[in-house]
C-alpha atoms as a PDB file:
ATOM      1  CA  MET A   1     112.533 101.918 101.861  1.00  0.00           C
ATOM      2  CA  LYS A   2     112.230 101.963 105.663  1.00  0.00           C
ATOM      3  CA  ILE A   3     108.945 102.241 107.553  1.00  0.00           C
ATOM      4  CA  PHE A   4     108.546 102.470 111.323  1.00  0.00           C
ATOM      5  CA  ARG A   5     106.202  99.823 112.742  1.00  0.00           C
ATOM      6  CA  GLY A   6     103.072 101.571 113.934  1.00  0.00           C
ATOM      7  CA  ASP A   7     103.369 104.620 111.669  1.00  0.00           C
ATOM      8  CA  THR A   8     100.565 105.229 109.201  1.00  0.00           C
ATOM      9  CA  PHE A   9     101.857 103.989 105.815  1.00  0.00           C
ATOM     10  CA  LYS A  10     100.364 106.017 102.942  1.00  0.00           C
ATOM     11  CA  PHE A  11     101.607 105.936  99.374  1.00  0.00           C
ATOM     12  CA  ASP A  12     100.406 106.846  95.883  1.00  0.00           C
ATOM     13  CA  PHE A  13     100.862 104.201  93.245  1.00  0.00           C
ATOM     14  CA  SER A  14     101.085 104.698  89.453  1.00  0.00           C
ATOM     15  CA  ALA A  15     102.379 102.291  86.836  1.00  0.00           C
ATOM     16  CA  THR A  16     104.760 103.246  84.057  1.00  0.00           C
ATOM     17  CA  LEU A  17     104.686 101.075  80.934  1.00  0.00           C
ATOM     18  CA  GLU A  18     107.760  99.759  79.117  1.00  0.00           C
ATOM     19  CA  ASP A  19     107.493 102.619  76.594  1.00  0.00           C
ATOM     20  CA  GLY A  20     107.609 105.178  79.384  1.00  0.00           C
ATOM     21  CA  THR A  21     103.982 106.213  79.326  1.00  0.00           C
ATOM     22  CA  VAL A  22     101.877 106.153  82.492  1.00  0.00           C
ATOM     23  CA  HIS A  23      99.175 103.486  82.638  1.00  0.00           C
ATOM     24  CA  THR A  24      95.612 104.720  83.119  1.00  0.00           C
ATOM     25  CA  PHE A  25      93.521 102.505  85.423  1.00  0.00           C
ATOM     26  CA  GLN A  26      89.921 101.916  84.297  1.00  0.00           C
ATOM     27  CA  PRO A  27      86.595 101.691  86.162  1.00  0.00           C
ATOM     28  CA  GLY A  28      86.198  98.048  87.279  1.00  0.00           C
ATOM     29  CA  ASP A  29      89.960  97.446  87.648  1.00  0.00           C
ATOM     30  CA  ILE A  30      90.970  95.959  90.994  1.00  0.00           C
ATOM     31  CA  LEU A  31      94.240  96.850  92.649  1.00  0.00           C
ATOM     32  CA  LYS A  32      95.534  94.917  95.646  1.00  0.00           C
ATOM     33  CA  ALA A  33      98.406  95.918  97.883  1.00  0.00           C
ATOM     34  CA  GLY A  34      99.913  93.905 100.688  1.00  0.00           C
ATOM     35  CA  LEU A  35     102.956  93.158 102.819  1.00  0.00           C
ATOM     36  CA  LYS A  36     104.231  89.627 103.141  1.00  0.00           C
ATOM     37  CA  VAL A  37     107.397  87.996 104.490  1.00  0.00           C
ATOM     38  CA  THR A  38     108.596  86.261 101.299  1.00  0.00           C
ATOM     39  CA  CYS A  39     107.555  86.184  97.679  1.00  0.00           C
ATOM     40  CA  ARG A  40     106.327  82.588  98.098  1.00  0.00           C
ATOM     41  CA  ASP A  41     103.969  83.444 100.979  1.00  0.00           C
ATOM     42  CA  LYS A  42     100.310  83.180 100.135  1.00  0.00           C
ATOM     43  CA  GLU A  43      99.131  85.163 103.200  1.00  0.00           C
ATOM     44  CA  TYR A  44      99.733  88.914 103.699  1.00  0.00           C
ATOM     45  CA  GLN A  45     100.445  90.478 107.083  1.00  0.00           C
ATOM     46  CA  ILE A  46      98.383  93.487 105.914  1.00  0.00           C
ATOM     47  CA  TYR A  47      96.303  93.732 102.774  1.00  0.00           C
ATOM     48  CA  GLN A  48      94.061  96.233 100.995  1.00  0.00           C
ATOM     49  CA  LYS A  49      91.881  95.895  97.909  1.00  0.00           C
ATOM     50  CA  LYS A  50      90.537  98.749  95.803  1.00  0.00           C
ATOM     51  CA  GLU A  51      87.919  98.440  93.072  1.00  0.00           C
ATOM     52  CA  LEU A  52      88.145 101.548  90.934  1.00  0.00           C
ATOM     53  CA  THR A  53      85.039 103.456  90.023  1.00  0.00           C
ATOM     54  CA  GLU A  54      86.622 106.067  87.786  1.00  0.00           C
ATOM     55  CA  GLU A  55      89.531 106.437  85.357  1.00  0.00           C
ATOM     56  CA  THR A  56      92.761 107.444  87.108  1.00  0.00           C
ATOM     57  CA  ASP A  57      96.529 107.339  86.767  1.00  0.00           C
ATOM     58  CA  THR A  58      97.240 107.204  90.537  1.00  0.00           C
ATOM     59  CA  VAL A  59      95.767 105.138  93.362  1.00  0.00           C
ATOM     60  CA  THR A  60      96.377 105.931  97.018  1.00  0.00           C
ATOM     61  CA  PHE A  61      96.817 103.154  99.580  1.00  0.00           C
ATOM     62  CA  GLU A  62      96.808 103.878 103.273  1.00  0.00           C
ATOM     63  CA  PHE A  63      97.494 101.401 106.108  1.00  0.00           C
ATOM     64  CA  SER A  64      96.461 102.732 109.517  1.00  0.00           C
ATOM     65  CA  HIS A  65      98.453 102.809 112.715  1.00  0.00           C
ATOM     66  CA  GLU A  66      96.424  99.810 113.943  1.00  0.00           C
ATOM     67  CA  GLU A  67      97.157  97.819 110.787  1.00  0.00           C
ATOM     68  CA  MET A  68     100.898  98.640 110.929  1.00  0.00           C
ATOM     69  CA  MET A  69     101.074  97.516 114.574  1.00  0.00           C
ATOM     70  CA  LYS A  70     100.262  93.971 113.340  1.00  0.00           C
ATOM     71  CA  VAL A  71     103.407  93.922 111.140  1.00  0.00           C
ATOM     72  CA  SER A  72     106.433  92.409 112.738  1.00  0.00           C
ATOM     73  CA  PRO A  73     109.718  94.345 112.408  1.00  0.00           C
ATOM     74  CA  ASN A  74     111.933  92.813 109.667  1.00  0.00           C
ATOM     75  CA  GLU A  75     112.323  92.822 105.934  1.00  0.00           C
ATOM     76  CA  LYS A  76     109.031  92.446 103.980  1.00  0.00           C
ATOM     77  CA  ILE A  77     107.833  92.358 100.403  1.00  0.00           C
ATOM     78  CA  LEU A  78     105.432  95.065  99.273  1.00  0.00           C
ATOM     79  CA  GLU A  79     103.413  93.722  96.405  1.00  0.00           C
ATOM     80  CA  ILE A  80     100.811  95.433  94.179  1.00  0.00           C
ATOM     81  CA  GLU A  81      98.622  93.391  91.784  1.00  0.00           C
ATOM     82  CA  LEU A  82      96.154  94.464  89.139  1.00  0.00           C
ATOM     83  CA  THR A  83      93.149  92.524  87.878  1.00  0.00           C
ATOM     84  CA  ASP A  84      91.741  94.380  84.904  1.00  0.00           C
ATOM     85  CA  THR A  85      88.200  94.316  83.631  1.00  0.00           C
ATOM     86  CA  ALA A  86      89.052  91.469  81.226  1.00  0.00           C
ATOM     87  CA  GLY A  87      90.171  89.347  84.187  1.00  0.00           C
ATOM     88  CA  ARG A  88      93.851  89.558  83.361  1.00  0.00           C
ATOM     89  CA  VAL A  89      96.063  89.536  86.492  1.00  0.00           C
ATOM     90  CA  ALA A  90      99.499  91.196  86.646  1.00  0.00           C
ATOM     91  CA  THR A  91     101.890  91.875  89.492  1.00  0.00           C
ATOM     92  CA  LEU A  92     102.780  95.510  88.833  1.00  0.00           C
ATOM     93  CA  TYR A  93     105.181  96.067  91.736  1.00  0.00           C
ATOM     94  CA  GLN A  94     107.149  93.865  94.114  1.00  0.00           C
ATOM     95  CA  GLU A  95     109.899  95.411  96.276  1.00  0.00           C
ATOM     96  CA  LYS A  96     111.653  94.673  99.555  1.00  0.00           C
ATOM     97  CA  ILE A  97     111.042  97.147 102.376  1.00  0.00           C
ATOM     98  CA  THR A  98     112.239  97.164 105.943  1.00  0.00           C
ATOM     99  CA  ILE A  99     109.873  97.549 108.907  1.00  0.00           C
ATOM    100  CA  VAL A 100     111.860  99.126 111.717  1.00  0.00           C
ATOM    101  CA  GLY A 101     110.908  98.531 115.340  1.00  0.00           C
ATOM    102  CA  ASP A 102     108.774 100.931 117.262  1.00  0.00           C
ATOM    103  CA  VAL A 103     110.164 104.359 118.179  1.00  0.00           C
ATOM    104  CA  ILE A 104     107.709 104.675 121.043  1.00  0.00           C
ATOM    105  CA  ASN A 105     106.405 101.395 122.416  1.00  0.00           C
ATOM    106  CA  GLU A 106     102.723 101.233 123.265  1.00  0.00           C
END
């Protein structure tokens, strides 16, 4: 996936279980999404946390133009983590993406 630095980055996230069914997130679940340079990094260049208030199959994340301007062009790791209501933590998604330099420099 390629994203231009400075573009609003919006995506819908859903999780498919090993048996092929779609996971339903529950009220009280916490989903976190962030971009970091390597898998070992503890700090994210941008980060968002959503505490769910209703049952849903899909959660939308949106990083603004201002947030995306903070991200340096290069390869990054997009990571999404779930903490469920029982306190169990699971990384649901981890994928390399490329942040491409600005098209129009500000």
